[in-house]
Amino acid sequence: MGRKYLFSEDADGRVREVKVDPRHLDKQLREERAAGRTPTVLDEDERILFGQLVNGLNDQR
């Protein structure tokens, strides 16, 4: 099992990375949702692919 990354988006569209506690990930997700934020969990491979996608979109501008 690889490392997990938790990103949290607020209502204004700002995204921040939240340190993940693997033993309490479910609790962290519930807390983010309760605070009105949208949590997204990515593993290492998904994070790399997402970064490449964003870079590709930025290059098209």
N, C-alpha and C. Protein backbone atom coordinates (compact mmCIF):
# COMPACT_ATOMS: atom_id res chain seq x y z
N MET A 1 0.85 -1.18 0.00
CA MET A 1 0.00 0.00 0.00
C MET A 1 0.89 1.24 0.00
N GLY A 2 0.68 2.11 -0.98
CA GLY A 2 1.49 3.31 -1.11
C GLY A 2 0.97 4.45 -0.26
N ARG A 3 1.67 5.53 -0.34
CA ARG A 3 1.30 6.72 0.41
C ARG A 3 0.03 7.33 -0.16
N LYS A 4 -0.79 7.89 0.69
CA LYS A 4 -2.03 8.56 0.29
C LYS A 4 -1.88 10.06 0.47
N TYR A 5 -2.56 10.81 -0.40
CA TYR A 5 -2.54 12.26 -0.35
C TYR A 5 -3.99 12.73 -0.26
N LEU A 6 -4.27 13.64 0.67
CA LEU A 6 -5.61 14.18 0.85
C LEU A 6 -5.60 15.65 0.47
N PHE A 7 -6.45 16.00 -0.48
CA PHE A 7 -6.61 17.39 -0.90
C PHE A 7 -8.02 17.82 -0.53
N SER A 8 -8.13 19.05 -0.04
CA SER A 8 -9.41 19.57 0.42
C SER A 8 -9.71 20.89 -0.29
N GLU A 9 -10.87 20.95 -0.96
CA GLU A 9 -11.27 22.15 -1.69
C GLU A 9 -12.39 22.85 -0.94
N ASP A 10 -12.23 24.16 -0.72
CA ASP A 10 -13.29 24.90 -0.03
C ASP A 10 -14.29 25.46 -1.06
N ALA A 11 -15.29 26.16 -0.57
CA ALA A 11 -16.36 26.66 -1.43
C ALA A 11 -15.87 27.70 -2.44
N ASP A 12 -14.75 28.35 -2.14
CA ASP A 12 -14.19 29.36 -3.04
C ASP A 12 -13.29 28.77 -4.12
N GLY A 13 -13.10 27.43 -4.08
CA GLY A 13 -12.27 26.77 -5.08
C GLY A 13 -10.81 26.65 -4.72
N ARG A 14 -10.45 27.11 -3.53
CA ARG A 14 -9.06 26.98 -3.08
C ARG A 14 -8.81 25.57 -2.59
N VAL A 15 -7.66 25.01 -2.96
CA VAL A 15 -7.32 23.64 -2.60
C VAL A 15 -6.09 23.64 -1.72
N ARG A 16 -6.11 22.82 -0.70
CA ARG A 16 -4.94 22.66 0.16
C ARG A 16 -4.70 21.17 0.38
N GLU A 17 -3.43 20.84 0.62
CA GLU A 17 -3.09 19.45 0.92
C GLU A 17 -3.12 19.26 2.43
N VAL A 18 -3.76 18.20 2.87
CA VAL A 18 -3.90 17.90 4.29
C VAL A 18 -3.05 16.68 4.59
N LYS A 19 -2.28 16.75 5.68
CA LYS A 19 -1.47 15.61 6.07
C LYS A 19 -2.39 14.43 6.41
N VAL A 20 -2.07 13.26 5.87
CA VAL A 20 -2.92 12.08 6.03
C VAL A 20 -2.44 11.23 7.20
N ASP A 21 -3.37 10.87 8.06
CA ASP A 21 -3.11 9.87 9.10
C ASP A 21 -3.80 8.60 8.61
N PRO A 22 -3.02 7.62 8.10
CA PRO A 22 -3.63 6.44 7.47
C PRO A 22 -4.60 5.68 8.37
N ARG A 23 -4.38 5.72 9.67
CA ARG A 23 -5.27 4.99 10.58
C ARG A 23 -6.59 5.71 10.80
N HIS A 24 -6.64 6.99 10.47
CA HIS A 24 -7.86 7.78 10.72
C HIS A 24 -8.34 8.51 9.47
N LEU A 25 -8.07 7.95 8.31
CA LEU A 25 -8.45 8.60 7.05
C LEU A 25 -9.97 8.80 6.96
N ASP A 26 -10.76 7.81 7.35
CA ASP A 26 -12.22 7.95 7.30
C ASP A 26 -12.69 9.12 8.16
N LYS A 27 -12.11 9.25 9.34
CA LYS A 27 -12.47 10.34 10.24
C LYS A 27 -12.08 11.68 9.63
N GLN A 28 -10.90 11.75 9.01
CA GLN A 28 -10.47 12.98 8.37
C GLN A 28 -11.42 13.38 7.24
N LEU A 29 -11.86 12.40 6.46
CA LEU A 29 -12.80 12.69 5.37
C LEU A 29 -14.11 13.22 5.92
N ARG A 30 -14.63 12.60 6.97
CA ARG A 30 -15.88 13.08 7.58
C ARG A 30 -15.73 14.50 8.10
N GLU A 31 -14.57 14.80 8.73
CA GLU A 31 -14.35 16.15 9.27
C GLU A 31 -14.26 17.19 8.15
N GLU A 32 -13.61 16.84 7.05
CA GLU A 32 -13.52 17.78 5.92
C GLU A 32 -14.90 18.05 5.34
N ARG A 33 -15.70 17.01 5.17
CA ARG A 33 -17.06 17.18 4.64
C ARG A 33 -17.93 17.99 5.60
N ALA A 34 -17.79 17.73 6.89
CA ALA A 34 -18.58 18.46 7.90
C ALA A 34 -18.22 19.94 7.90
N ALA A 35 -16.98 20.26 7.54
CA ALA A 35 -16.54 21.65 7.50
C ALA A 35 -16.94 22.34 6.19
N GLY A 36 -17.64 21.62 5.31
CA GLY A 36 -18.11 22.19 4.06
C GLY A 36 -17.08 22.16 2.94
N ARG A 37 -16.05 21.35 3.11
CA ARG A 37 -15.02 21.23 2.08
C ARG A 37 -15.20 19.91 1.33
N THR A 38 -14.62 19.83 0.13
CA THR A 38 -14.70 18.64 -0.70
C THR A 38 -13.35 17.91 -0.66
N PRO A 39 -13.28 16.77 0.03
CA PRO A 39 -12.01 16.04 0.11
C PRO A 39 -11.81 15.11 -1.08
N THR A 40 -10.55 14.97 -1.49
CA THR A 40 -10.17 14.05 -2.56
C THR A 40 -8.93 13.30 -2.10
N VAL A 41 -8.96 11.97 -2.17
CA VAL A 41 -7.82 11.16 -1.77
C VAL A 41 -7.20 10.55 -3.02
N LEU A 42 -5.88 10.72 -3.15
CA LEU A 42 -5.14 10.18 -4.28
C LEU A 42 -3.99 9.32 -3.76
N ASP A 43 -3.67 8.24 -4.48
CA ASP A 43 -2.46 7.51 -4.14
C ASP A 43 -1.30 8.12 -4.95
N GLU A 44 -0.11 7.58 -4.78
CA GLU A 44 1.07 8.16 -5.43
C GLU A 44 0.93 8.22 -6.95
N ASP A 45 0.47 7.13 -7.56
CA ASP A 45 0.34 7.08 -9.02
C ASP A 45 -0.71 8.07 -9.51
N GLU A 46 -1.85 8.14 -8.84
CA GLU A 46 -2.91 9.06 -9.23
C GLU A 46 -2.44 10.51 -9.12
N ARG A 47 -1.66 10.80 -8.08
CA ARG A 47 -1.16 12.16 -7.88
C ARG A 47 -0.24 12.55 -9.03
N ILE A 48 0.63 11.64 -9.45
CA ILE A 48 1.53 11.92 -10.57
C ILE A 48 0.74 12.15 -11.85
N LEU A 49 -0.23 11.27 -12.13
CA LEU A 49 -1.04 11.41 -13.34
C LEU A 49 -1.84 12.71 -13.34
N PHE A 50 -2.40 13.07 -12.18
CA PHE A 50 -3.17 14.31 -12.07
C PHE A 50 -2.26 15.51 -12.31
N GLY A 51 -1.05 15.47 -11.76
CA GLY A 51 -0.09 16.56 -11.98
C GLY A 51 0.27 16.70 -13.45
N GLN A 52 0.47 15.57 -14.14
CA GLN A 52 0.77 15.62 -15.57
C GLN A 52 -0.40 16.18 -16.37
N LEU A 53 -1.61 15.83 -15.98
CA LEU A 53 -2.80 16.35 -16.64
C LEU A 53 -2.88 17.87 -16.48
N VAL A 54 -2.67 18.36 -15.28
CA VAL A 54 -2.73 19.80 -15.02
C VAL A 54 -1.64 20.52 -15.81
N ASN A 55 -0.43 19.95 -15.83
CA ASN A 55 0.65 20.58 -16.59
C ASN A 55 0.31 20.63 -18.07
N GLY A 56 -0.29 19.58 -18.60
CA GLY A 56 -0.71 19.57 -19.99
C GLY A 56 -1.75 20.63 -20.29
N LEU A 57 -2.70 20.81 -19.38
CA LEU A 57 -3.72 21.84 -19.56
C LEU A 57 -3.12 23.24 -19.48
N ASN A 58 -2.18 23.43 -18.56
CA ASN A 58 -1.53 24.74 -18.44
C ASN A 58 -0.71 25.06 -19.69
N ASP A 59 -0.10 24.06 -20.32
CA ASP A 59 0.69 24.27 -21.52
C ASP A 59 -0.17 24.70 -22.70
N GLN A 60 -1.45 24.36 -22.68
CA GLN A 60 -2.36 24.69 -23.78
C GLN A 60 -2.81 26.13 -23.74
N ARG A 61 -2.60 26.82 -22.65
CA ARG A 61 -3.04 28.22 -22.52
C ARG A 61 -2.26 29.15 -23.36
